[in-house]
Amino acid sequence: MSSRVPSLDVVRGAVAAGLNVWGGGCDVEERMPTLRADLIRYVTSLREEIEEQAPRMRGEMRLLAVHVLVRTHQLMEQAGRDDECAPAVPDLAVMCRCLVSLYEQPGVLREPFGAEEIRAAIERRTCNTCRRPIVAGEPFVQQVSGESGSVEVQHTEPCVGAQRLRPELSSPRPLGQRPKAVARKPLKGR
């Protein structure tokens, strides 16, 4: 175990408390700021460990590690916020639980490869409307989706790719709203 990672029993206790927020409880509101700070600290230290191990992982475990690292990176970008885009305590707990699992059981570790590709995947940001990358320095907005409650990222300008590929997305719409149905011609023979 790395010296950067706190005791896993302590981390598991914070994860359990974070997941219990959904169920409520008598001291949930009082513990929320401390619990959020603890989970952010645990996620940060575990993320560093998994980022070092991921290039050595193989197969599904490697794919899972990259997925968890991407989502963790996105979540931690929002950790300093105090608006509706700030990560919820249960979301931090879920990410922490995933990181603990990868840390404890990383699978077969071999010679590292592809560290640059993993780093690029972690730092990539994709527009939720047109599914094109948002390049470094390009302006974007983050909003909470009404349907899922997750934070969505979108270009600040209407997405050119979305207009060309899906005309129903050509006008900006609030995130979380589905596009209007588009009338389609029936297939011949029906």
N, C-alpha and C. Protein backbone atom coordinates (compact mmCIF):
# COMPACT_ATOMS: atom_id res chain seq x y z
N MET A 1 0.85 -1.18 0.00
CA MET A 1 0.00 0.00 0.00
C MET A 1 0.89 1.24 0.00
N SER A 2 0.50 2.22 -0.77
CA SER A 2 1.25 3.46 -0.88
C SER A 2 1.04 4.32 0.35
N SER A 3 2.03 5.14 0.66
CA SER A 3 1.89 6.06 1.79
C SER A 3 0.92 7.19 1.47
N ARG A 4 0.64 7.40 0.18
CA ARG A 4 -0.30 8.46 -0.21
C ARG A 4 -1.74 8.08 0.11
N VAL A 5 -2.03 6.79 0.12
CA VAL A 5 -3.40 6.32 0.32
C VAL A 5 -3.65 6.11 1.80
N PRO A 6 -4.70 6.73 2.35
CA PRO A 6 -5.02 6.51 3.76
C PRO A 6 -5.50 5.08 3.99
N SER A 7 -5.69 4.74 5.22
CA SER A 7 -6.18 3.41 5.57
C SER A 7 -7.46 3.11 4.80
N LEU A 8 -7.49 1.95 4.16
CA LEU A 8 -8.68 1.59 3.37
C LEU A 8 -9.92 1.40 4.24
N ASP A 9 -9.74 1.03 5.50
CA ASP A 9 -10.89 0.92 6.39
C ASP A 9 -11.51 2.29 6.63
N VAL A 10 -10.68 3.31 6.78
CA VAL A 10 -11.18 4.68 6.95
C VAL A 10 -11.90 5.14 5.68
N VAL A 11 -11.30 4.83 4.53
CA VAL A 11 -11.90 5.21 3.25
C VAL A 11 -13.25 4.52 3.08
N ARG A 12 -13.31 3.21 3.40
CA ARG A 12 -14.57 2.48 3.28
C ARG A 12 -15.65 3.07 4.19
N GLY A 13 -15.26 3.51 5.37
CA GLY A 13 -16.22 4.15 6.28
C GLY A 13 -16.79 5.43 5.69
N ALA A 14 -15.92 6.23 5.05
CA ALA A 14 -16.39 7.46 4.41
C ALA A 14 -17.28 7.14 3.22
N VAL A 15 -16.93 6.10 2.46
CA VAL A 15 -17.76 5.69 1.31
C VAL A 15 -19.15 5.27 1.81
N ALA A 16 -19.20 4.46 2.85
CA ALA A 16 -20.49 4.01 3.40
C ALA A 16 -21.32 5.20 3.86
N ALA A 17 -20.68 6.14 4.55
CA ALA A 17 -21.40 7.34 5.01
C ALA A 17 -21.88 8.16 3.82
N GLY A 18 -21.05 8.28 2.78
CA GLY A 18 -21.43 9.03 1.59
C GLY A 18 -22.59 8.41 0.86
N LEU A 19 -22.62 7.09 0.80
CA LEU A 19 -23.73 6.41 0.14
C LEU A 19 -25.00 6.46 0.98
N ASN A 20 -24.86 6.56 2.29
CA ASN A 20 -26.02 6.64 3.18
C ASN A 20 -26.71 8.01 3.12
N VAL A 21 -26.06 8.97 2.49
CA VAL A 21 -26.68 10.29 2.33
C VAL A 21 -28.00 10.15 1.59
N TRP A 22 -28.06 9.21 0.62
CA TRP A 22 -29.31 9.00 -0.13
C TRP A 22 -30.44 8.59 0.80
N GLY A 23 -30.12 7.85 1.85
CA GLY A 23 -31.15 7.39 2.77
C GLY A 23 -31.48 8.38 3.86
N GLY A 24 -30.70 9.43 3.96
CA GLY A 24 -30.93 10.42 5.01
C GLY A 24 -30.40 9.92 6.34
N GLY A 25 -30.68 10.63 7.36
CA GLY A 25 -30.21 10.28 8.69
C GLY A 25 -30.19 11.51 9.57
N CYS A 26 -30.01 11.28 10.84
CA CYS A 26 -30.11 12.39 11.77
C CYS A 26 -28.92 13.36 11.68
N ASP A 27 -27.75 12.88 11.37
CA ASP A 27 -26.60 13.78 11.37
C ASP A 27 -26.01 14.04 9.98
N VAL A 28 -26.77 13.76 8.94
CA VAL A 28 -26.26 13.89 7.57
C VAL A 28 -25.89 15.33 7.26
N GLU A 29 -26.76 16.27 7.54
CA GLU A 29 -26.49 17.67 7.21
C GLU A 29 -25.29 18.21 7.98
N GLU A 30 -25.13 17.79 9.23
CA GLU A 30 -24.01 18.26 10.04
C GLU A 30 -22.68 17.73 9.51
N ARG A 31 -22.66 16.50 9.03
CA ARG A 31 -21.42 15.86 8.59
C ARG A 31 -21.06 16.15 7.14
N MET A 32 -21.99 16.73 6.36
CA MET A 32 -21.82 16.87 4.92
C MET A 32 -20.52 17.60 4.53
N PRO A 33 -20.20 18.78 5.07
CA PRO A 33 -18.97 19.46 4.64
C PRO A 33 -17.70 18.65 4.94
N THR A 34 -17.65 18.03 6.10
CA THR A 34 -16.48 17.22 6.48
C THR A 34 -16.40 15.99 5.60
N LEU A 35 -17.53 15.35 5.38
CA LEU A 35 -17.58 14.14 4.56
C LEU A 35 -17.16 14.45 3.12
N ARG A 36 -17.62 15.56 2.57
CA ARG A 36 -17.24 15.97 1.21
C ARG A 36 -15.73 16.19 1.14
N ALA A 37 -15.17 16.90 2.10
CA ALA A 37 -13.72 17.18 2.11
C ALA A 37 -12.93 15.87 2.23
N ASP A 38 -13.38 14.97 3.09
CA ASP A 38 -12.68 13.68 3.24
C ASP A 38 -12.73 12.88 1.95
N LEU A 39 -13.90 12.79 1.33
CA LEU A 39 -14.03 12.02 0.09
C LEU A 39 -13.20 12.62 -1.04
N ILE A 40 -13.16 13.93 -1.13
CA ILE A 40 -12.32 14.57 -2.15
C ILE A 40 -10.86 14.21 -1.93
N ARG A 41 -10.42 14.23 -0.69
CA ARG A 41 -9.03 13.87 -0.37
C ARG A 41 -8.75 12.41 -0.72
N TYR A 42 -9.66 11.51 -0.39
CA TYR A 42 -9.46 10.09 -0.67
C TYR A 42 -9.48 9.82 -2.18
N VAL A 43 -10.43 10.44 -2.89
CA VAL A 43 -10.50 10.25 -4.34
C VAL A 43 -9.21 10.75 -4.99
N THR A 44 -8.71 11.89 -4.54
CA THR A 44 -7.48 12.45 -5.11
C THR A 44 -6.30 11.51 -4.92
N SER A 45 -6.12 10.99 -3.71
CA SER A 45 -4.97 10.11 -3.46
C SER A 45 -5.11 8.78 -4.19
N LEU A 46 -6.30 8.21 -4.22
CA LEU A 46 -6.50 6.94 -4.94
C LEU A 46 -6.37 7.13 -6.45
N ARG A 47 -6.84 8.26 -6.96
CA ARG A 47 -6.74 8.53 -8.39
C ARG A 47 -5.27 8.55 -8.83
N GLU A 48 -4.41 9.17 -8.02
CA GLU A 48 -2.98 9.22 -8.36
C GLU A 48 -2.40 7.81 -8.45
N GLU A 49 -2.80 6.95 -7.54
CA GLU A 49 -2.31 5.57 -7.55
C GLU A 49 -2.79 4.82 -8.79
N ILE A 50 -4.06 4.96 -9.12
CA ILE A 50 -4.62 4.24 -10.27
C ILE A 50 -4.04 4.79 -11.57
N GLU A 51 -3.78 6.10 -11.64
CA GLU A 51 -3.15 6.67 -12.83
C GLU A 51 -1.77 6.05 -13.06
N GLU A 52 -1.06 5.74 -12.00
CA GLU A 52 0.25 5.10 -12.13
C GLU A 52 0.12 3.62 -12.52
N GLN A 53 -0.91 2.95 -12.02
CA GLN A 53 -1.08 1.53 -12.30
C GLN A 53 -1.74 1.24 -13.64
N ALA A 54 -2.60 2.13 -14.12
CA ALA A 54 -3.40 1.87 -15.33
C ALA A 54 -2.56 1.45 -16.54
N PRO A 55 -1.41 2.07 -16.82
CA PRO A 55 -0.62 1.63 -17.98
C PRO A 55 -0.10 0.19 -17.85
N ARG A 56 -0.09 -0.34 -16.64
CA ARG A 56 0.38 -1.71 -16.41
C ARG A 56 -0.76 -2.72 -16.43
N MET A 57 -2.00 -2.24 -16.38
CA MET A 57 -3.17 -3.13 -16.37
C MET A 57 -3.44 -3.66 -17.77
N ARG A 58 -4.20 -4.73 -17.84
CA ARG A 58 -4.53 -5.35 -19.11
C ARG A 58 -6.02 -5.65 -19.19
N GLY A 59 -6.52 -5.80 -20.41
CA GLY A 59 -7.88 -6.26 -20.66
C GLY A 59 -8.96 -5.34 -20.12
N GLU A 60 -10.02 -5.96 -19.64
CA GLU A 60 -11.17 -5.23 -19.13
C GLU A 60 -10.82 -4.36 -17.93
N MET A 61 -9.88 -4.83 -17.12
CA MET A 61 -9.49 -4.05 -15.95
C MET A 61 -8.88 -2.71 -16.38
N ARG A 62 -8.09 -2.73 -17.44
CA ARG A 62 -7.49 -1.49 -17.96
C ARG A 62 -8.58 -0.56 -18.50
N LEU A 63 -9.53 -1.12 -19.27
CA LEU A 63 -10.62 -0.31 -19.81
C LEU A 63 -11.45 0.30 -18.69
N LEU A 64 -11.72 -0.48 -17.67
CA LEU A 64 -12.48 0.01 -16.53
C LEU A 64 -11.70 1.11 -15.81
N ALA A 65 -10.41 0.91 -15.63
CA ALA A 65 -9.58 1.91 -14.96
C ALA A 65 -9.60 3.23 -15.72
N VAL A 66 -9.47 3.17 -17.04
CA VAL A 66 -9.49 4.39 -17.84
C VAL A 66 -10.85 5.08 -17.71
N HIS A 67 -11.93 4.32 -17.78
CA HIS A 67 -13.27 4.89 -17.63
C HIS A 67 -13.43 5.58 -16.28
N VAL A 68 -13.02 4.90 -15.23
CA VAL A 68 -13.14 5.47 -13.87
C VAL A 68 -12.26 6.71 -13.75
N LEU A 69 -11.06 6.68 -14.32
CA LEU A 69 -10.18 7.84 -14.26
C LEU A 69 -10.76 9.04 -15.01
N VAL A 70 -11.38 8.78 -16.15
CA VAL A 70 -12.00 9.87 -16.92
C VAL A 70 -13.11 10.51 -16.09
N ARG A 71 -14.01 9.69 -15.56
CA ARG A 71 -15.12 10.22 -14.76
C ARG A 71 -14.61 10.91 -13.49
N THR A 72 -13.58 10.33 -12.86
CA THR A 72 -13.03 10.94 -11.65
C THR A 72 -12.42 12.30 -11.98
N HIS A 73 -11.72 12.38 -13.09
CA HIS A 73 -11.11 13.66 -13.51
C HIS A 73 -12.22 14.70 -13.69
N GLN A 74 -13.29 14.34 -14.36
CA GLN A 74 -14.40 15.27 -14.58
C GLN A 74 -15.03 15.69 -13.25
N LEU A 75 -15.20 14.75 -12.36
CA LEU A 75 -15.80 15.04 -11.07
C LEU A 75 -14.90 15.96 -10.24
N MET A 76 -13.60 15.72 -10.28
CA MET A 76 -12.68 16.51 -9.48
C MET A 76 -12.50 17.92 -10.05
N GLU A 77 -12.73 18.09 -11.35
CA GLU A 77 -12.71 19.45 -11.92
C GLU A 77 -13.81 20.30 -11.30
N GLN A 78 -14.89 19.67 -10.87
CA GLN A 78 -16.02 20.38 -10.29
C GLN A 78 -15.95 20.45 -8.77
N ALA A 79 -14.95 19.82 -8.18
CA ALA A 79 -14.89 19.70 -6.71
C ALA A 79 -14.77 21.04 -6.00
N GLY A 80 -14.14 22.01 -6.63
CA GLY A 80 -13.97 23.31 -5.99
C GLY A 80 -15.18 24.22 -6.10
N ARG A 81 -16.17 23.81 -6.85
CA ARG A 81 -17.35 24.65 -7.06
C ARG A 81 -18.30 24.55 -5.88
N ASP A 82 -19.11 25.59 -5.72
CA ASP A 82 -20.11 25.55 -4.66
C ASP A 82 -21.51 25.83 -5.22
N ASP A 83 -21.68 25.57 -6.53
CA ASP A 83 -22.99 25.75 -7.14
C ASP A 83 -23.59 24.37 -7.43
N GLU A 84 -24.63 24.34 -8.27
CA GLU A 84 -25.29 23.05 -8.53
C GLU A 84 -24.41 22.09 -9.31
N CYS A 85 -23.29 22.57 -9.89
CA CYS A 85 -22.38 21.69 -10.62
C CYS A 85 -21.35 21.02 -9.71
N ALA A 86 -21.32 21.41 -8.44
CA ALA A 86 -20.40 20.77 -7.50
C ALA A 86 -20.80 19.30 -7.34
N PRO A 87 -19.81 18.41 -7.20
CA PRO A 87 -20.16 16.99 -7.08
C PRO A 87 -20.91 16.69 -5.79
N ALA A 88 -21.90 15.86 -5.90
CA ALA A 88 -22.67 15.44 -4.73
C ALA A 88 -21.85 14.42 -3.93
N VAL A 89 -22.07 14.40 -2.65
CA VAL A 89 -21.35 13.46 -1.78
C VAL A 89 -21.55 12.01 -2.23
N PRO A 90 -22.77 11.57 -2.57
CA PRO A 90 -22.91 10.19 -3.04
C PRO A 90 -22.10 9.90 -4.31
N ASP A 91 -22.00 10.89 -5.22
CA ASP A 91 -21.21 10.70 -6.43
C ASP A 91 -19.73 10.53 -6.10
N LEU A 92 -19.24 11.32 -5.16
CA LEU A 92 -17.86 11.18 -4.70
C LEU A 92 -17.65 9.80 -4.07
N ALA A 93 -18.64 9.34 -3.30
CA ALA A 93 -18.54 8.04 -2.65
C ALA A 93 -18.49 6.91 -3.68
N VAL A 94 -19.30 7.01 -4.73
CA VAL A 94 -19.31 5.99 -5.78
C VAL A 94 -17.96 5.93 -6.47
N MET A 95 -17.40 7.09 -6.82
CA MET A 95 -16.09 7.11 -7.48
C MET A 95 -15.01 6.57 -6.55
N CYS A 96 -15.10 6.92 -5.29
CA CYS A 96 -14.11 6.43 -4.31
C CYS A 96 -14.19 4.91 -4.19
N ARG A 97 -15.40 4.38 -4.18
CA ARG A 97 -15.57 2.92 -4.09
C ARG A 97 -14.96 2.23 -5.32
N CYS A 98 -15.18 2.80 -6.51
CA CYS A 98 -14.58 2.23 -7.72
C CYS A 98 -13.05 2.26 -7.65
N LEU A 99 -12.51 3.37 -7.20
CA LEU A 99 -11.05 3.50 -7.10
C LEU A 99 -10.47 2.52 -6.09
N VAL A 100 -11.17 2.32 -4.97
CA VAL A 100 -10.72 1.35 -3.97
C VAL A 100 -10.68 -0.05 -4.58
N SER A 101 -11.71 -0.41 -5.33
CA SER A 101 -11.74 -1.73 -5.96
C SER A 101 -10.57 -1.91 -6.92
N LEU A 102 -10.31 -0.91 -7.75
CA LEU A 102 -9.18 -0.99 -8.68
C LEU A 102 -7.85 -1.03 -7.95
N TYR A 103 -7.75 -0.31 -6.85
CA TYR A 103 -6.52 -0.26 -6.07
C TYR A 103 -6.23 -1.62 -5.42
N GLU A 104 -7.28 -2.23 -4.87
CA GLU A 104 -7.10 -3.50 -4.18
C GLU A 104 -6.89 -4.67 -5.13
N GLN A 105 -7.59 -4.65 -6.26
CA GLN A 105 -7.53 -5.77 -7.20
C GLN A 105 -7.32 -5.24 -8.62
N PRO A 106 -6.09 -4.85 -8.95
CA PRO A 106 -5.83 -4.28 -10.27
C PRO A 106 -5.72 -5.30 -11.39
N GLY A 107 -5.79 -6.58 -11.06
CA GLY A 107 -5.61 -7.60 -12.08
C GLY A 107 -4.13 -7.85 -12.31
N VAL A 108 -3.82 -8.50 -13.40
CA VAL A 108 -2.43 -8.81 -13.74
C VAL A 108 -1.75 -7.53 -14.19
N LEU A 109 -0.63 -7.21 -13.55
CA LEU A 109 0.14 -6.02 -13.91
C LEU A 109 1.38 -6.45 -14.69
N ARG A 110 1.57 -5.84 -15.84
CA ARG A 110 2.72 -6.15 -16.69
C ARG A 110 3.50 -4.88 -16.96
N GLU A 111 4.38 -4.96 -17.95
CA GLU A 111 5.16 -3.78 -18.34
C GLU A 111 4.21 -2.68 -18.80
N PRO A 112 4.46 -1.44 -18.39
CA PRO A 112 3.55 -0.36 -18.77
C PRO A 112 3.64 -0.03 -20.27
N PHE A 113 2.50 0.36 -20.83
CA PHE A 113 2.45 0.88 -22.20
C PHE A 113 1.23 1.78 -22.33
N GLY A 114 1.30 2.74 -23.26
CA GLY A 114 0.17 3.60 -23.57
C GLY A 114 -0.18 4.64 -22.53
N ALA A 115 0.78 5.04 -21.71
CA ALA A 115 0.49 6.03 -20.67
C ALA A 115 0.02 7.36 -21.28
N GLU A 116 0.58 7.73 -22.43
CA GLU A 116 0.20 9.00 -23.07
C GLU A 116 -1.26 8.95 -23.54
N GLU A 117 -1.67 7.81 -24.09
CA GLU A 117 -3.05 7.68 -24.55
C GLU A 117 -4.03 7.72 -23.38
N ILE A 118 -3.64 7.12 -22.28
CA ILE A 118 -4.49 7.15 -21.09
C ILE A 118 -4.62 8.58 -20.59
N ARG A 119 -3.52 9.30 -20.51
CA ARG A 119 -3.54 10.70 -20.06
C ARG A 119 -4.42 11.53 -20.99
N ALA A 120 -4.31 11.32 -22.31
CA ALA A 120 -5.13 12.08 -23.27
C ALA A 120 -6.61 11.77 -23.07
N ALA A 121 -6.95 10.51 -22.84
CA ALA A 121 -8.35 10.14 -22.62
C ALA A 121 -8.90 10.78 -21.34
N ILE A 122 -8.07 10.83 -20.30
CA ILE A 122 -8.50 11.41 -19.04
C ILE A 122 -8.80 12.90 -19.20
N GLU A 123 -7.98 13.59 -19.96
CA GLU A 123 -8.12 15.03 -20.09
C GLU A 123 -9.05 15.47 -21.21
N ARG A 124 -9.51 14.54 -22.03
CA ARG A 124 -10.41 14.88 -23.15
C ARG A 124 -11.76 15.33 -22.62
N ARG A 125 -12.29 16.35 -23.25
CA ARG A 125 -13.61 16.85 -22.90
C ARG A 125 -14.46 16.80 -24.16
N THR A 126 -15.67 16.28 -24.08
CA THR A 126 -16.53 16.10 -25.24
C THR A 126 -17.85 16.83 -25.04
N CYS A 127 -18.31 17.51 -26.08
CA CYS A 127 -19.59 18.23 -26.04
C CYS A 127 -20.73 17.21 -26.01
N ASN A 128 -21.69 17.42 -25.12
CA ASN A 128 -22.82 16.50 -25.00
C ASN A 128 -23.83 16.66 -26.13
N THR A 129 -23.75 17.75 -26.89
CA THR A 129 -24.68 17.96 -27.99
C THR A 129 -24.17 17.35 -29.28
N CYS A 130 -22.96 17.74 -29.69
CA CYS A 130 -22.46 17.29 -31.00
C CYS A 130 -21.47 16.13 -30.89
N ARG A 131 -21.06 15.78 -29.67
CA ARG A 131 -20.12 14.68 -29.41
C ARG A 131 -18.73 14.92 -29.99
N ARG A 132 -18.41 16.18 -30.29
CA ARG A 132 -17.07 16.52 -30.76
C ARG A 132 -16.24 16.99 -29.58
N PRO A 133 -14.92 16.84 -29.69
CA PRO A 133 -14.07 17.29 -28.59
C PRO A 133 -14.12 18.79 -28.39
N ILE A 134 -13.98 19.21 -27.16
CA ILE A 134 -13.80 20.61 -26.83
C ILE A 134 -12.30 20.77 -26.60
N VAL A 135 -11.65 21.49 -27.48
CA VAL A 135 -10.19 21.60 -27.43
C VAL A 135 -9.78 22.57 -26.33
N ALA A 136 -8.53 22.44 -25.88
CA ALA A 136 -8.01 23.28 -24.81
C ALA A 136 -8.14 24.75 -25.20
N GLY A 137 -8.66 25.56 -24.31
CA GLY A 137 -8.82 26.98 -24.55
C GLY A 137 -10.15 27.36 -25.18
N GLU A 138 -10.90 26.38 -25.71
CA GLU A 138 -12.19 26.66 -26.33
C GLU A 138 -13.23 26.87 -25.22
N PRO A 139 -14.06 27.91 -25.35
CA PRO A 139 -15.05 28.16 -24.30
C PRO A 139 -16.14 27.07 -24.28
N PHE A 140 -16.62 26.77 -23.09
CA PHE A 140 -17.69 25.79 -22.92
C PHE A 140 -18.49 26.13 -21.68
N VAL A 141 -19.65 25.52 -21.56
CA VAL A 141 -20.49 25.70 -20.37
C VAL A 141 -20.74 24.34 -19.73
N GLN A 142 -20.92 24.36 -18.42
CA GLN A 142 -21.29 23.16 -17.68
C GLN A 142 -22.64 23.43 -17.03
N GLN A 143 -23.55 22.48 -17.19
CA GLN A 143 -24.86 22.59 -16.58
C GLN A 143 -25.29 21.23 -16.07
N VAL A 144 -26.15 21.26 -15.09
CA VAL A 144 -26.70 20.01 -14.56
C VAL A 144 -27.84 19.57 -15.45
N SER A 145 -27.80 18.32 -15.88
CA SER A 145 -28.86 17.75 -16.70
C SER A 145 -30.10 17.56 -15.85
N GLY A 146 -31.25 17.95 -16.39
CA GLY A 146 -32.50 17.78 -15.65
C GLY A 146 -32.90 16.34 -15.48
N GLU A 147 -32.52 15.49 -16.45
CA GLU A 147 -32.94 14.09 -16.40
C GLU A 147 -32.08 13.25 -15.47
N SER A 148 -30.77 13.34 -15.66
CA SER A 148 -29.87 12.45 -14.92
C SER A 148 -29.27 13.10 -13.68
N GLY A 149 -29.26 14.42 -13.63
CA GLY A 149 -28.61 15.10 -12.51
C GLY A 149 -27.11 15.18 -12.66
N SER A 150 -26.57 14.65 -13.76
CA SER A 150 -25.12 14.73 -13.97
C SER A 150 -24.77 16.05 -14.65
N VAL A 151 -23.52 16.43 -14.57
CA VAL A 151 -23.06 17.67 -15.18
C VAL A 151 -22.72 17.40 -16.64
N GLU A 152 -23.31 18.20 -17.52
CA GLU A 152 -23.06 18.06 -18.96
C GLU A 152 -22.22 19.24 -19.43
N VAL A 153 -21.39 18.99 -20.42
CA VAL A 153 -20.53 20.01 -21.00
C VAL A 153 -21.00 20.26 -22.42
N GLN A 154 -21.00 21.54 -22.82
CA GLN A 154 -21.49 21.90 -24.14
C GLN A 154 -20.71 23.10 -24.65
N HIS A 155 -20.49 23.14 -25.98
CA HIS A 155 -19.88 24.32 -26.58
C HIS A 155 -20.72 25.55 -26.24
N THR A 156 -20.08 26.72 -26.14
CA THR A 156 -20.85 27.94 -25.87
C THR A 156 -21.54 28.43 -27.13
N GLU A 157 -20.97 28.15 -28.29
CA GLU A 157 -21.58 28.50 -29.57
C GLU A 157 -22.42 27.30 -30.03
N PRO A 158 -23.47 27.54 -30.83
CA PRO A 158 -24.22 26.39 -31.36
C PRO A 158 -23.28 25.45 -32.11
N CYS A 159 -23.45 24.20 -31.92
CA CYS A 159 -22.55 23.19 -32.47
C CYS A 159 -22.77 23.02 -33.96
N VAL A 160 -21.76 23.32 -34.76
CA VAL A 160 -21.84 23.20 -36.22
C VAL A 160 -22.04 21.74 -36.61
N GLY A 161 -21.31 20.84 -35.96
CA GLY A 161 -21.43 19.42 -36.27
C GLY A 161 -22.82 18.90 -36.01
N ALA A 162 -23.46 19.37 -34.95
CA ALA A 162 -24.81 18.92 -34.63
C ALA A 162 -25.80 19.43 -35.66
N GLN A 163 -25.59 20.65 -36.18
CA GLN A 163 -26.49 21.19 -37.19
C GLN A 163 -26.41 20.38 -38.47
N ARG A 164 -25.20 19.97 -38.84
CA ARG A 164 -25.02 19.23 -40.07
C ARG A 164 -25.51 17.79 -39.93
N LEU A 165 -25.21 17.16 -38.80
CA LEU A 165 -25.55 15.76 -38.63
C LEU A 165 -27.00 15.55 -38.20
N ARG A 166 -27.50 16.42 -37.35
CA ARG A 166 -28.85 16.27 -36.81
C ARG A 166 -29.54 17.62 -36.83
N PRO A 167 -30.29 17.92 -37.87
CA PRO A 167 -30.90 19.24 -37.99
C PRO A 167 -31.79 19.63 -36.81
N GLU A 168 -32.36 18.67 -36.13
CA GLU A 168 -33.23 19.01 -35.00
C GLU A 168 -32.45 19.61 -33.83
N LEU A 169 -31.11 19.51 -33.86
CA LEU A 169 -30.29 20.09 -32.80
C LEU A 169 -29.71 21.45 -33.20
N SER A 170 -30.16 22.01 -34.32
CA SER A 170 -29.55 23.22 -34.82
C SER A 170 -29.80 24.44 -33.94
N SER A 171 -30.88 24.46 -33.22
CA SER A 171 -31.11 25.59 -32.33
C SER A 171 -30.71 25.20 -30.92
N PRO A 172 -30.09 26.13 -30.20
CA PRO A 172 -29.67 25.79 -28.85
C PRO A 172 -30.88 25.45 -27.99
N ARG A 173 -30.71 24.50 -27.11
CA ARG A 173 -31.76 24.11 -26.20
C ARG A 173 -31.14 23.92 -24.83
N PRO A 174 -31.91 24.11 -23.79
CA PRO A 174 -31.36 23.86 -22.46
C PRO A 174 -30.92 22.41 -22.33
N LEU A 175 -29.80 22.21 -21.67
CA LEU A 175 -29.31 20.86 -21.48
C LEU A 175 -30.33 20.05 -20.70
N GLY A 176 -30.43 18.79 -21.05
CA GLY A 176 -31.35 17.90 -20.36
C GLY A 176 -32.68 17.78 -21.06
N GLN A 177 -32.99 18.70 -21.99
CA GLN A 177 -34.24 18.60 -22.75
C GLN A 177 -33.98 17.78 -24.00
N ARG A 178 -34.90 16.94 -24.33
CA ARG A 178 -34.76 16.14 -25.55
C ARG A 178 -35.15 16.99 -26.75
N PRO A 179 -34.51 16.73 -27.91
CA PRO A 179 -34.90 17.46 -29.11
C PRO A 179 -36.32 17.08 -29.53
N LYS A 180 -36.96 17.98 -30.27
CA LYS A 180 -38.31 17.71 -30.76
C LYS A 180 -38.27 16.58 -31.77
N ALA A 181 -39.35 15.83 -31.83
CA ALA A 181 -39.43 14.73 -32.78
C ALA A 181 -39.42 15.28 -34.20
N VAL A 182 -38.74 14.59 -35.08
CA VAL A 182 -38.66 14.98 -36.47
C VAL A 182 -39.50 14.01 -37.27
N ALA A 183 -40.39 14.55 -38.13
CA ALA A 183 -41.24 13.69 -38.95
C ALA A 183 -40.37 12.97 -39.98
N ARG A 184 -40.59 11.70 -40.12
CA ARG A 184 -39.83 10.91 -41.08
C ARG A 184 -40.79 10.28 -42.06
N LYS A 185 -40.33 10.13 -43.30
CA LYS A 185 -41.16 9.49 -44.32
C LYS A 185 -41.18 7.98 -44.09
N PRO A 186 -42.35 7.35 -44.28
CA PRO A 186 -42.40 5.90 -44.10
C PRO A 186 -41.61 5.20 -45.20
N LEU A 187 -41.09 4.04 -44.88
CA LEU A 187 -40.36 3.25 -45.87
C LEU A 187 -41.33 2.71 -46.92
N LYS A 188 -40.84 2.53 -48.14
CA LYS A 188 -41.69 2.00 -49.22
C LYS A 188 -42.14 0.58 -48.86
N GLY A 189 -43.32 0.26 -49.25
CA GLY A 189 -43.83 -1.08 -49.00
C GLY A 189 -44.53 -1.21 -47.67
N ARG A 190 -44.67 -0.14 -46.96
CA ARG A 190 -45.36 -0.21 -45.65
C ARG A 190 -46.57 0.65 -45.65
